[in-house]
């Protein structure tokens, strides 16, 4: 993941989104998820890595999304963008309505 950046949130919320929840444990979860994932999904140039944590219904998975899509005007041929967040279990939701880690088989 050389020459990559961490991007999270939106143009209005990006930095505050990261700063609000960043901690050594959050950074450790990103690293652990990328190396020891339980589920992996790929769609176009997006990769989703999921680590089962099962801390609660809303913190059931830790999800890291990586993309190699080009960013217009960034000055690089490729960037790897990672966003990381908690993902819910979504038990009882029909398969066609699930999202994130719950959607990956």
N, C-alpha and C. Protein backbone atom coordinates (compact mmCIF):
# COMPACT_ATOMS: atom_id res chain seq x y z
N UNK A 1 0.83 -1.18 0.00
CA UNK A 1 0.00 0.00 0.00
C UNK A 1 0.88 1.25 0.00
N UNK A 2 1.96 1.23 -0.72
CA UNK A 2 2.83 2.38 -0.82
C UNK A 2 2.14 3.50 -1.55
N UNK A 3 2.54 4.73 -1.25
CA UNK A 3 1.98 5.92 -1.88
C UNK A 3 0.47 6.00 -1.69
N UNK A 4 -0.05 5.45 -0.62
CA UNK A 4 -1.48 5.49 -0.38
C UNK A 4 -1.86 6.60 0.57
N UNK A 5 -3.14 6.83 0.65
CA UNK A 5 -3.67 7.80 1.60
C UNK A 5 -4.83 7.16 2.34
N UNK A 6 -5.12 7.69 3.50
CA UNK A 6 -6.29 7.26 4.25
C UNK A 6 -7.34 8.31 4.04
N UNK A 7 -8.47 7.90 3.56
CA UNK A 7 -9.55 8.85 3.29
C UNK A 7 -10.81 8.33 3.96
N UNK A 8 -11.45 9.17 4.70
CA UNK A 8 -12.62 8.74 5.45
C UNK A 8 -13.63 9.87 5.46
N UNK A 9 -14.88 9.55 5.40
CA UNK A 9 -15.92 10.57 5.46
C UNK A 9 -16.17 11.22 4.12
N UNK A 10 -16.52 12.51 4.16
CA UNK A 10 -16.84 13.28 2.95
C UNK A 10 -15.98 14.54 2.93
N UNK A 11 -16.15 15.37 1.93
CA UNK A 11 -15.39 16.63 1.87
C UNK A 11 -15.66 17.50 3.09
N UNK A 12 -16.88 17.47 3.58
CA UNK A 12 -17.24 18.29 4.73
C UNK A 12 -16.83 17.66 6.06
N UNK A 13 -16.70 16.35 6.12
CA UNK A 13 -16.56 15.67 7.39
C UNK A 13 -15.28 14.85 7.47
N UNK A 14 -14.50 14.72 6.41
CA UNK A 14 -13.35 13.83 6.34
C UNK A 14 -12.39 13.84 7.51
N UNK A 15 -11.65 14.93 7.73
CA UNK A 15 -10.65 14.97 8.78
C UNK A 15 -11.28 14.78 10.15
N UNK A 16 -12.38 15.47 10.41
CA UNK A 16 -13.04 15.34 11.72
C UNK A 16 -13.54 13.92 11.93
N UNK A 17 -13.95 13.26 10.86
CA UNK A 17 -14.42 11.88 10.94
C UNK A 17 -13.30 10.96 11.44
N UNK A 18 -12.10 11.15 10.91
CA UNK A 18 -10.96 10.35 11.34
C UNK A 18 -10.54 10.73 12.75
N UNK A 19 -10.35 12.03 13.00
CA UNK A 19 -9.86 12.51 14.29
C UNK A 19 -10.80 12.15 15.43
N UNK A 20 -12.10 12.14 15.16
CA UNK A 20 -13.10 11.86 16.20
C UNK A 20 -12.95 10.47 16.78
N UNK A 21 -12.59 9.49 15.96
CA UNK A 21 -12.56 8.11 16.45
C UNK A 21 -11.19 7.47 16.43
N UNK A 22 -10.15 8.20 16.03
CA UNK A 22 -8.83 7.60 15.89
C UNK A 22 -8.23 7.29 17.24
N UNK A 23 -7.62 6.12 17.34
CA UNK A 23 -6.90 5.72 18.55
C UNK A 23 -5.94 4.60 18.14
N UNK A 24 -5.06 4.24 19.03
CA UNK A 24 -4.13 3.14 18.74
C UNK A 24 -4.90 1.84 18.52
N UNK A 25 -5.99 1.64 19.27
CA UNK A 25 -6.77 0.41 19.09
C UNK A 25 -7.47 0.40 17.73
N UNK A 26 -7.93 1.58 17.27
CA UNK A 26 -8.57 1.67 15.95
C UNK A 26 -7.55 1.37 14.86
N UNK A 27 -6.36 1.94 15.00
CA UNK A 27 -5.28 1.69 14.04
C UNK A 27 -4.91 0.21 14.05
N UNK A 28 -4.86 -0.39 15.23
CA UNK A 28 -4.56 -1.82 15.35
C UNK A 28 -5.62 -2.69 14.70
N UNK A 29 -6.89 -2.28 14.82
CA UNK A 29 -7.97 -3.04 14.17
C UNK A 29 -7.84 -3.00 12.65
N UNK A 30 -7.43 -1.86 12.09
CA UNK A 30 -7.21 -1.77 10.64
C UNK A 30 -6.14 -2.77 10.23
N UNK A 31 -5.02 -2.74 10.93
CA UNK A 31 -3.90 -3.64 10.60
C UNK A 31 -4.32 -5.10 10.74
N UNK A 32 -4.95 -5.44 11.84
CA UNK A 32 -5.38 -6.83 12.07
C UNK A 32 -6.37 -7.28 11.00
N UNK A 33 -7.31 -6.41 10.65
CA UNK A 33 -8.32 -6.75 9.64
C UNK A 33 -7.67 -7.01 8.28
N UNK A 34 -6.70 -6.20 7.91
CA UNK A 34 -6.03 -6.40 6.62
C UNK A 34 -5.20 -7.68 6.56
N UNK A 35 -4.70 -8.12 7.70
CA UNK A 35 -3.87 -9.33 7.72
C UNK A 35 -4.61 -10.60 8.10
N UNK A 36 -5.69 -10.47 8.89
CA UNK A 36 -6.38 -11.67 9.40
C UNK A 36 -7.88 -11.65 9.12
N UNK A 37 -8.29 -11.12 8.01
CA UNK A 37 -9.70 -10.98 7.70
C UNK A 37 -10.42 -12.33 7.69
N UNK A 38 -11.71 -12.28 8.03
CA UNK A 38 -12.58 -13.47 8.01
C UNK A 38 -13.38 -13.53 6.71
N UNK A 39 -13.70 -12.37 6.15
CA UNK A 39 -14.44 -12.29 4.89
C UNK A 39 -13.75 -11.30 3.98
N UNK A 40 -13.76 -11.61 2.69
CA UNK A 40 -13.17 -10.73 1.69
C UNK A 40 -14.12 -10.61 0.52
N UNK A 41 -14.36 -9.40 0.08
CA UNK A 41 -15.21 -9.18 -1.08
C UNK A 41 -14.54 -8.25 -2.07
N UNK A 42 -14.79 -8.46 -3.34
CA UNK A 42 -14.22 -7.62 -4.38
C UNK A 42 -15.30 -7.22 -5.37
N UNK A 43 -15.30 -5.95 -5.72
CA UNK A 43 -16.26 -5.44 -6.69
C UNK A 43 -15.58 -4.31 -7.46
N UNK A 44 -15.38 -4.51 -8.76
CA UNK A 44 -14.63 -3.57 -9.59
C UNK A 44 -13.26 -3.33 -8.96
N UNK A 45 -12.93 -2.10 -8.60
CA UNK A 45 -11.63 -1.85 -8.00
C UNK A 45 -11.71 -1.65 -6.49
N UNK A 46 -12.81 -2.08 -5.88
CA UNK A 46 -12.95 -2.03 -4.42
C UNK A 46 -12.69 -3.39 -3.80
N UNK A 47 -12.02 -3.38 -2.67
CA UNK A 47 -11.78 -4.59 -1.89
C UNK A 47 -12.32 -4.33 -0.48
N UNK A 48 -13.09 -5.27 0.05
CA UNK A 48 -13.64 -5.13 1.39
C UNK A 48 -13.10 -6.26 2.25
N UNK A 49 -12.44 -5.90 3.33
CA UNK A 49 -11.89 -6.86 4.28
C UNK A 49 -12.71 -6.76 5.56
N UNK A 50 -13.18 -7.89 6.07
CA UNK A 50 -14.01 -7.90 7.27
C UNK A 50 -13.42 -8.84 8.32
N UNK A 51 -13.33 -8.36 9.54
CA UNK A 51 -12.86 -9.16 10.66
C UNK A 51 -14.00 -9.28 11.66
N UNK A 52 -14.35 -10.51 12.00
CA UNK A 52 -15.44 -10.74 12.95
C UNK A 52 -14.95 -10.41 14.35
N UNK A 53 -15.63 -9.46 14.99
CA UNK A 53 -15.28 -9.03 16.33
C UNK A 53 -16.36 -9.46 17.32
N UNK A 54 -17.63 -9.36 16.89
CA UNK A 54 -18.79 -9.76 17.69
C UNK A 54 -18.84 -9.09 19.06
N UNK A 55 -18.48 -7.80 19.12
CA UNK A 55 -18.53 -7.05 20.38
C UNK A 55 -19.96 -6.66 20.73
N UNK A 56 -20.80 -6.45 19.71
CA UNK A 56 -22.21 -6.13 19.91
C UNK A 56 -22.91 -6.30 18.56
N UNK A 57 -24.20 -6.03 18.50
CA UNK A 57 -24.92 -6.14 17.24
C UNK A 57 -24.38 -5.12 16.23
N UNK A 58 -24.10 -3.89 16.69
CA UNK A 58 -23.62 -2.84 15.79
C UNK A 58 -22.11 -2.91 15.56
N UNK A 59 -21.39 -3.55 16.45
CA UNK A 59 -19.94 -3.72 16.30
C UNK A 59 -19.60 -5.20 16.14
N UNK A 60 -20.26 -5.80 15.18
CA UNK A 60 -20.09 -7.23 14.94
C UNK A 60 -18.90 -7.49 14.03
N UNK A 61 -18.72 -6.66 13.03
CA UNK A 61 -17.60 -6.74 12.09
C UNK A 61 -16.80 -5.45 12.17
N UNK A 62 -15.50 -5.56 11.88
CA UNK A 62 -14.70 -4.38 11.63
C UNK A 62 -14.38 -4.43 10.15
N UNK A 63 -14.70 -3.37 9.43
CA UNK A 63 -14.62 -3.37 7.96
C UNK A 63 -13.59 -2.36 7.48
N UNK A 64 -12.75 -2.80 6.54
CA UNK A 64 -11.78 -1.92 5.89
C UNK A 64 -12.04 -2.00 4.39
N UNK A 65 -12.24 -0.85 3.75
CA UNK A 65 -12.49 -0.79 2.32
C UNK A 65 -11.28 -0.15 1.65
N UNK A 66 -10.79 -0.82 0.62
CA UNK A 66 -9.61 -0.38 -0.12
C UNK A 66 -9.97 -0.28 -1.59
N UNK A 67 -9.57 0.79 -2.22
CA UNK A 67 -9.83 0.94 -3.65
C UNK A 67 -8.58 1.42 -4.36
N UNK A 68 -8.41 0.98 -5.58
CA UNK A 68 -7.28 1.44 -6.39
C UNK A 68 -7.75 2.37 -7.49
N UNK A 69 -8.93 2.92 -7.35
CA UNK A 69 -9.47 3.84 -8.35
C UNK A 69 -8.63 5.11 -8.43
N UNK A 70 -8.46 5.61 -9.61
CA UNK A 70 -7.71 6.85 -9.78
C UNK A 70 -8.51 8.04 -9.29
N UNK A 71 -7.82 9.01 -8.74
CA UNK A 71 -8.46 10.23 -8.25
C UNK A 71 -8.08 11.35 -9.21
N UNK A 72 -9.03 11.93 -9.90
CA UNK A 72 -8.72 13.00 -10.85
C UNK A 72 -7.97 14.16 -10.19
N UNK A 73 -6.90 14.60 -10.81
CA UNK A 73 -6.14 15.74 -10.32
C UNK A 73 -5.24 15.47 -9.14
N UNK A 74 -5.11 14.21 -8.73
CA UNK A 74 -4.29 13.90 -7.56
C UNK A 74 -2.79 13.91 -7.88
N UNK A 75 -2.43 13.81 -9.15
CA UNK A 75 -1.03 13.82 -9.51
C UNK A 75 -0.37 12.44 -9.46
N UNK A 76 -1.12 11.42 -9.16
CA UNK A 76 -0.61 10.06 -9.10
C UNK A 76 -1.40 9.20 -10.09
N UNK A 77 -0.77 8.15 -10.56
CA UNK A 77 -1.50 7.23 -11.44
C UNK A 77 -2.52 6.43 -10.65
N UNK A 78 -2.13 6.00 -9.45
CA UNK A 78 -3.02 5.19 -8.61
C UNK A 78 -2.93 5.65 -7.16
N UNK A 79 -4.02 5.61 -6.48
CA UNK A 79 -4.07 5.83 -5.03
C UNK A 79 -4.79 4.65 -4.42
N UNK A 80 -4.44 4.31 -3.25
CA UNK A 80 -5.16 3.28 -2.50
C UNK A 80 -5.86 3.99 -1.37
N UNK A 81 -7.15 3.96 -1.38
CA UNK A 81 -7.93 4.69 -0.38
C UNK A 81 -8.51 3.68 0.59
N UNK A 82 -8.30 3.92 1.83
CA UNK A 82 -8.82 3.01 2.86
C UNK A 82 -9.79 3.78 3.74
N UNK A 83 -10.93 3.20 3.96
CA UNK A 83 -11.84 3.71 4.97
C UNK A 83 -12.14 2.55 5.90
N UNK A 84 -12.25 2.81 7.16
CA UNK A 84 -12.47 1.75 8.13
C UNK A 84 -13.61 2.14 9.06
N UNK A 85 -14.43 1.16 9.40
CA UNK A 85 -15.58 1.43 10.25
C UNK A 85 -16.11 0.14 10.86
N UNK A 86 -16.99 0.28 11.82
CA UNK A 86 -17.70 -0.87 12.36
C UNK A 86 -18.86 -1.20 11.44
N UNK A 87 -19.22 -2.46 11.41
CA UNK A 87 -20.32 -2.92 10.57
C UNK A 87 -21.21 -3.82 11.42
N UNK A 88 -22.51 -3.74 11.21
CA UNK A 88 -23.46 -4.48 12.03
C UNK A 88 -23.64 -5.92 11.56
N UNK A 89 -24.21 -6.73 12.41
CA UNK A 89 -24.44 -8.14 12.11
C UNK A 89 -25.51 -8.33 11.05
N UNK A 90 -26.58 -7.59 11.12
CA UNK A 90 -27.71 -7.64 10.18
C UNK A 90 -28.39 -9.00 10.16
N UNK A 91 -28.54 -9.61 11.31
CA UNK A 91 -29.25 -10.89 11.42
C UNK A 91 -30.73 -10.65 11.16
N UNK A 92 -31.36 -11.57 10.47
CA UNK A 92 -32.78 -11.48 10.19
C UNK A 92 -33.14 -10.60 9.00
N UNK A 93 -32.16 -10.00 8.37
CA UNK A 93 -32.41 -9.17 7.18
C UNK A 93 -32.29 -10.07 5.95
N UNK A 94 -33.22 -9.98 5.01
CA UNK A 94 -33.14 -10.81 3.80
C UNK A 94 -31.81 -10.60 3.08
N UNK A 95 -31.28 -11.66 2.51
CA UNK A 95 -29.96 -11.64 1.85
C UNK A 95 -29.83 -10.52 0.82
N UNK A 96 -30.88 -10.25 0.06
CA UNK A 96 -30.79 -9.22 -0.99
C UNK A 96 -30.82 -7.80 -0.44
N UNK A 97 -31.05 -7.64 0.88
CA UNK A 97 -31.07 -6.31 1.49
C UNK A 97 -29.87 -6.05 2.40
N UNK A 98 -29.03 -7.06 2.58
CA UNK A 98 -27.86 -6.90 3.43
C UNK A 98 -26.82 -6.02 2.75
N UNK A 99 -25.96 -5.39 3.56
CA UNK A 99 -24.90 -4.55 3.02
C UNK A 99 -23.59 -4.83 3.76
N UNK A 100 -22.50 -4.28 3.24
CA UNK A 100 -21.21 -4.40 3.90
C UNK A 100 -20.77 -5.84 4.10
N UNK A 101 -20.22 -6.12 5.28
CA UNK A 101 -19.69 -7.44 5.60
C UNK A 101 -20.77 -8.52 5.59
N UNK A 102 -21.97 -8.16 6.04
CA UNK A 102 -23.07 -9.14 6.08
C UNK A 102 -23.44 -9.64 4.68
N UNK A 103 -23.19 -8.83 3.66
CA UNK A 103 -23.52 -9.19 2.29
C UNK A 103 -22.53 -10.19 1.69
N UNK A 104 -21.29 -10.16 2.18
CA UNK A 104 -20.24 -11.03 1.65
C UNK A 104 -20.46 -12.45 2.15
N UNK A 105 -20.40 -13.41 1.23
CA UNK A 105 -20.59 -14.81 1.63
C UNK A 105 -19.29 -15.49 1.90
